[in-house]
Amino acid sequence: MAAAAVVAEPRAHPSAVRFAEDIVRLHRRLSFAGLPDAVGGQPLYLRESRDGDLLTIAVRESQLPQRYVLGIQGFRLAQFLERGWVCRSHLHRLAAFHEPLRPPHPVDDVHVVALSPATGKILGYTFLAGSLDAEPLPLDSPARARLAVERDHGLDLLGRAAAPGRTTHRVYEAKRQLRAAGMPRGVLATRIPWHVMAGMGRSLLALGGPGGRVMVAGDAKEGGSFRHLELMGLDLDIVHGPPPNVPRTDLFWPLFDTDLHAKPFLARLPGTFAGDMSAIEGYLADADDDRSIRVLMEERAASREARG
């Protein structure tokens, strides 16, 4: 059997590289075809593409059987391994086959998954991490749990947005925005991020209730993820500061070992956000060629520019 395409980190022991290759092979074989039927209750979002080649579903983690949670966490780990963003030496010592699970917390995490109905493979994904605080706290509370992006960048991201009525239980951290590694270029690969963003956006609207009072935090690199977040209609406050400082003892330090550093952001849902989602979904309903996606991006950029 050919070795999985894992980028070897400098000085990684051969046994650590082989272990990483085994993890990637393991998760390449998994199918998530049964995930939609395994969801307990109504998903936050469910939409099939016009051609039936993509099914996008957003669910609270508590709605999923544990085997699917572990499978999704494993997909995330394998995707990072294929991109060279995981320390294989640390992973080998941990003997882990999925990303570390988050500790129990009262605010449900949300998984947004774009599946191929034909193969059961995950083609696109993102994650909304809920607050670890046992009780909702003001954003400037010294007792609140720090977000991963705050720890990585050594800053207080939420305190600057403190206001009456805003609590940590209404802030979600967007993470792991992924398209399956190795996908060939084409219309499907171009569409996937938009389907995932639609699922994420509709989930945020549902989580925020009638007032849409949720915020999204995270970090992203110029161009890719930032571009999609802006064009989906979020009001982004990008923080320009020193690069992240992640120690070499961290499992994911290779992700940050780059000349192009991610920048933290805090985003709000404007009053036009539901309309933005409807516009995106309308385009995706007819997006069967590259031109349709180009038109979508041009229209979204024009809409953003018109709003200032």
Foldseek 3Di string as FASTA:
>chain_A
DDFDQFDDDPPDDPVLVNLLSVLLVVLVPDAQLCFVVQFADDFLDWDAAQVRFKIKTKHFPVRHDPVVVQSVQLQLSNQCRNVNQFHSNLCVVVVDSGPDDDPDADQTKMKIFMAGNVGRDTFWIKIWAFFRDNDWDFLLDPPGDDDPQCQQAVHSPRNVVTDPPDTRRQEIEMDRGDGRPPDDDFLVNLCRSLSSVLNVLSSCDVSCDPVSPHKYKYWDFPDDPVLSVVLLPWDKDWDDDDATDDDPSDRRVSNRPDPGGITIIMTGHDPCNVVSSVLSVVLSNVRPGPVSSVVSSVVSVVVSVVVD
